[in-house]
Amino acid sequence: MKANHLIVAALAALTLAGCAQTESQQRAGTGALIGGAGGALVGQAIGGNTESTLIGAGAGALLGAVVGSSTAPKDRGQEMCRYRDYRSGRIFVAPCDDRYYNRGY
């Protein structure tokens, strides 16, 4: 029964991580997932029971989210937008142009 709860929690975390819009949010979500998995492994190795696994997963997720969000590039006062090159289909990130600020999109 507890394994089902862990699977549901992991799937919910993956779903919510996909909803991130900024790079900082994406890094925090990814860091939380990786930290939670690593913390669960360490907690199981140290304690050998479900309680220590859950404590390790929680602590790892918290630490991973903090580290992930702190490693995101700092905002330099200008929003970054995603653009698509219509010739090659390549997606790239660049400073937003005036249409973004004037609600022209």
C-alpha atoms as a PDB file:
ATOM      1  CA  MET A   1       0.000   0.000   0.000  1.00  0.00           C
ATOM      2  CA  LYS A   2       2.830   2.416   0.836  1.00  0.00           C
ATOM      3  CA  ALA A   3       4.524   1.607  -2.457  1.00  0.00           C
ATOM      4  CA  ASN A   4       1.373   2.747  -4.269  1.00  0.00           C
ATOM      5  CA  HIS A   5       1.491   6.055  -2.397  1.00  0.00           C
ATOM      6  CA  LEU A   6       5.125   6.558  -3.406  1.00  0.00           C
ATOM      7  CA  ILE A   7       4.341   5.840  -7.046  1.00  0.00           C
ATOM      8  CA  VAL A   8       1.415   8.273  -7.021  1.00  0.00           C
ATOM      9  CA  ALA A   9       3.571  10.942  -5.353  1.00  0.00           C
ATOM     10  CA  ALA A  10       6.339  10.478  -7.914  1.00  0.00           C
ATOM     11  CA  LEU A  11       3.895  10.719 -10.817  1.00  0.00           C
ATOM     12  CA  ALA A  12       2.331  13.850  -9.312  1.00  0.00           C
ATOM     13  CA  ALA A  13       5.771  15.420  -8.936  1.00  0.00           C
ATOM     14  CA  LEU A  14       6.608  14.631 -12.554  1.00  0.00           C
ATOM     15  CA  THR A  15       3.331  16.159 -13.694  1.00  0.00           C
ATOM     16  CA  LEU A  16       3.866  19.320 -11.695  1.00  0.00           C
ATOM     17  CA  ALA A  17       7.479  19.619 -12.847  1.00  0.00           C
ATOM     18  CA  GLY A  18       6.202  19.696 -16.415  1.00  0.00           C
ATOM     19  CA  CYS A  19       4.099  22.758 -15.593  1.00  0.00           C
ATOM     20  CA  ALA A  20       7.136  24.909 -14.791  1.00  0.00           C
ATOM     21  CA  GLN A  21       7.415  28.011 -16.942  1.00  0.00           C
ATOM     22  CA  THR A  22      10.701  29.638 -16.018  1.00  0.00           C
ATOM     23  CA  GLU A  23      14.114  28.057 -16.059  1.00  0.00           C
ATOM     24  CA  SER A  24      14.384  28.484 -12.295  1.00  0.00           C
ATOM     25  CA  GLN A  25      11.119  26.578 -11.796  1.00  0.00           C
ATOM     26  CA  GLN A  26      12.238  23.844 -14.169  1.00  0.00           C
ATOM     27  CA  ARG A  27      15.549  23.461 -12.377  1.00  0.00           C
ATOM     28  CA  ALA A  28      13.832  23.403  -8.969  1.00  0.00           C
ATOM     29  CA  GLY A  29      11.456  20.659 -10.129  1.00  0.00           C
ATOM     30  CA  THR A  30      14.214  18.579 -11.642  1.00  0.00           C
ATOM     31  CA  GLY A  31      16.403  19.064  -8.577  1.00  0.00           C
ATOM     32  CA  ALA A  32      13.550  17.994  -6.304  1.00  0.00           C
ATOM     33  CA  LEU A  33      12.974  14.815  -8.299  1.00  0.00           C
ATOM     34  CA  ILE A  34      16.642  13.865  -8.406  1.00  0.00           C
ATOM     35  CA  GLY A  35      17.192  14.821  -4.762  1.00  0.00           C
ATOM     36  CA  GLY A  36      14.114  12.904  -3.646  1.00  0.00           C
ATOM     37  CA  ALA A  37      15.245   9.760  -5.426  1.00  0.00           C
ATOM     38  CA  GLY A  38      18.773  10.058  -4.073  1.00  0.00           C
ATOM     39  CA  GLY A  39      17.531  10.824  -0.575  1.00  0.00           C
ATOM     40  CA  ALA A  40      15.232   7.797  -0.643  1.00  0.00           C
ATOM     41  CA  LEU A  41      18.139   5.548  -1.614  1.00  0.00           C
ATOM     42  CA  VAL A  42      20.371   6.974   1.120  1.00  0.00           C
ATOM     43  CA  GLY A  43      17.570   6.773   3.706  1.00  0.00           C
ATOM     44  CA  GLN A  44      16.905   3.139   2.845  1.00  0.00           C
ATOM     45  CA  ALA A  45      20.604   2.295   2.977  1.00  0.00           C
ATOM     46  CA  ILE A  46      21.073   3.946   6.368  1.00  0.00           C
ATOM     47  CA  GLY A  47      17.836   3.070   8.159  1.00  0.00           C
ATOM     48  CA  GLY A  48      16.617   0.039   6.278  1.00  0.00           C
ATOM     49  CA  ASN A  49      12.935   0.799   6.888  1.00  0.00           C
ATOM     50  CA  THR A  50      10.110   2.757   5.293  1.00  0.00           C
ATOM     51  CA  GLU A  51      10.252   5.655   7.750  1.00  0.00           C
ATOM     52  CA  SER A  52      13.907   6.408   7.047  1.00  0.00           C
ATOM     53  CA  THR A  53      13.282   6.085   3.308  1.00  0.00           C
ATOM     54  CA  LEU A  54      10.485   8.675   3.447  1.00  0.00           C
ATOM     55  CA  ILE A  55      12.537  11.027   5.618  1.00  0.00           C
ATOM     56  CA  GLY A  56      15.472  10.719   3.211  1.00  0.00           C
ATOM     57  CA  ALA A  57      13.214  11.330   0.212  1.00  0.00           C
ATOM     58  CA  GLY A  58      11.715  14.441   1.783  1.00  0.00           C
ATOM     59  CA  ALA A  59      15.059  15.877   2.818  1.00  0.00           C
ATOM     60  CA  GLY A  60      16.602  15.067  -0.557  1.00  0.00           C
ATOM     61  CA  ALA A  61      13.708  16.658  -2.446  1.00  0.00           C
ATOM     62  CA  LEU A  62      13.956  19.831  -0.373  1.00  0.00           C
ATOM     63  CA  LEU A  63      17.714  20.077  -0.798  1.00  0.00           C
ATOM     64  CA  GLY A  64      17.475  19.267  -4.510  1.00  0.00           C
ATOM     65  CA  ALA A  65      14.856  21.975  -5.091  1.00  0.00           C
ATOM     66  CA  VAL A  66      16.970  24.576  -3.298  1.00  0.00           C
ATOM     67  CA  VAL A  67      20.125  23.655  -5.189  1.00  0.00           C
ATOM     68  CA  GLY A  68      18.279  23.450  -8.512  1.00  0.00           C
ATOM     69  CA  SER A  69      16.652  26.855  -8.205  1.00  0.00           C
ATOM     70  CA  SER A  70      19.847  28.509  -6.980  1.00  0.00           C
ATOM     71  CA  THR A  71      21.831  27.311 -10.003  1.00  0.00           C
ATOM     72  CA  ALA A  72      19.509  28.995 -12.515  1.00  0.00           C
ATOM     73  CA  PRO A  73      20.965  31.960 -14.370  1.00  0.00           C
ATOM     74  CA  LYS A  74      20.165  35.256 -12.709  1.00  0.00           C
ATOM     75  CA  ASP A  75      17.672  37.618 -14.335  1.00  0.00           C
ATOM     76  CA  ARG A  76      19.491  40.629 -15.705  1.00  0.00           C
ATOM     77  CA  GLY A  77      16.429  42.875 -15.792  1.00  0.00           C
ATOM     78  CA  GLN A  78      15.109  41.622 -19.109  1.00  0.00           C
ATOM     79  CA  GLU A  79      12.708  38.783 -19.753  1.00  0.00           C
ATOM     80  CA  MET A  80      13.847  35.931 -21.937  1.00  0.00           C
ATOM     81  CA  CYS A  81      11.515  34.493 -24.586  1.00  0.00           C
ATOM     82  CA  ARG A  82      11.566  31.330 -26.660  1.00  0.00           C
ATOM     83  CA  TYR A  83      11.630  31.744 -30.412  1.00  0.00           C
ATOM     84  CA  ARG A  84      11.421  29.248 -33.257  1.00  0.00           C
ATOM     85  CA  ASP A  85      13.416  29.597 -36.443  1.00  0.00           C
ATOM     86  CA  TYR A  86      10.846  28.871 -39.138  1.00  0.00           C
ATOM     87  CA  ARG A  87      13.447  27.697 -41.635  1.00  0.00           C
ATOM     88  CA  SER A  88      15.155  25.070 -39.504  1.00  0.00           C
ATOM     89  CA  GLY A  89      12.569  24.612 -36.732  1.00  0.00           C
ATOM     90  CA  ARG A  90      15.258  25.192 -34.106  1.00  0.00           C
ATOM     91  CA  ILE A  91      14.025  26.659 -30.820  1.00  0.00           C
ATOM     92  CA  PHE A  92      16.245  29.205 -29.109  1.00  0.00           C
ATOM     93  CA  VAL A  93      16.069  31.598 -26.164  1.00  0.00           C
ATOM     94  CA  ALA A  94      16.785  35.296 -26.587  1.00  0.00           C
ATOM     95  CA  PRO A  95      15.787  38.586 -24.933  1.00  0.00           C
ATOM     96  CA  CYS A  96      12.150  39.447 -25.628  1.00  0.00           C
ATOM     97  CA  ASP A  97      11.447  42.056 -28.275  1.00  0.00           C
ATOM     98  CA  ASP A  98       9.011  44.979 -28.037  1.00  0.00           C
ATOM     99  CA  ARG A  99       6.002  42.850 -28.989  1.00  0.00           C
ATOM    100  CA  TYR A 100       6.330  41.029 -25.659  1.00  0.00           C
ATOM    101  CA  TYR A 101       6.212  44.217 -23.616  1.00  0.00           C
ATOM    102  CA  ASN A 102       3.394  45.772 -25.695  1.00  0.00           C
ATOM    103  CA  ARG A 103       1.266  42.613 -25.610  1.00  0.00           C
ATOM    104  CA  GLY A 104       1.612  42.180 -29.344  1.00  0.00           C
ATOM    105  CA  TYR A 105       1.856  38.393 -29.301  1.00  0.00           C
END
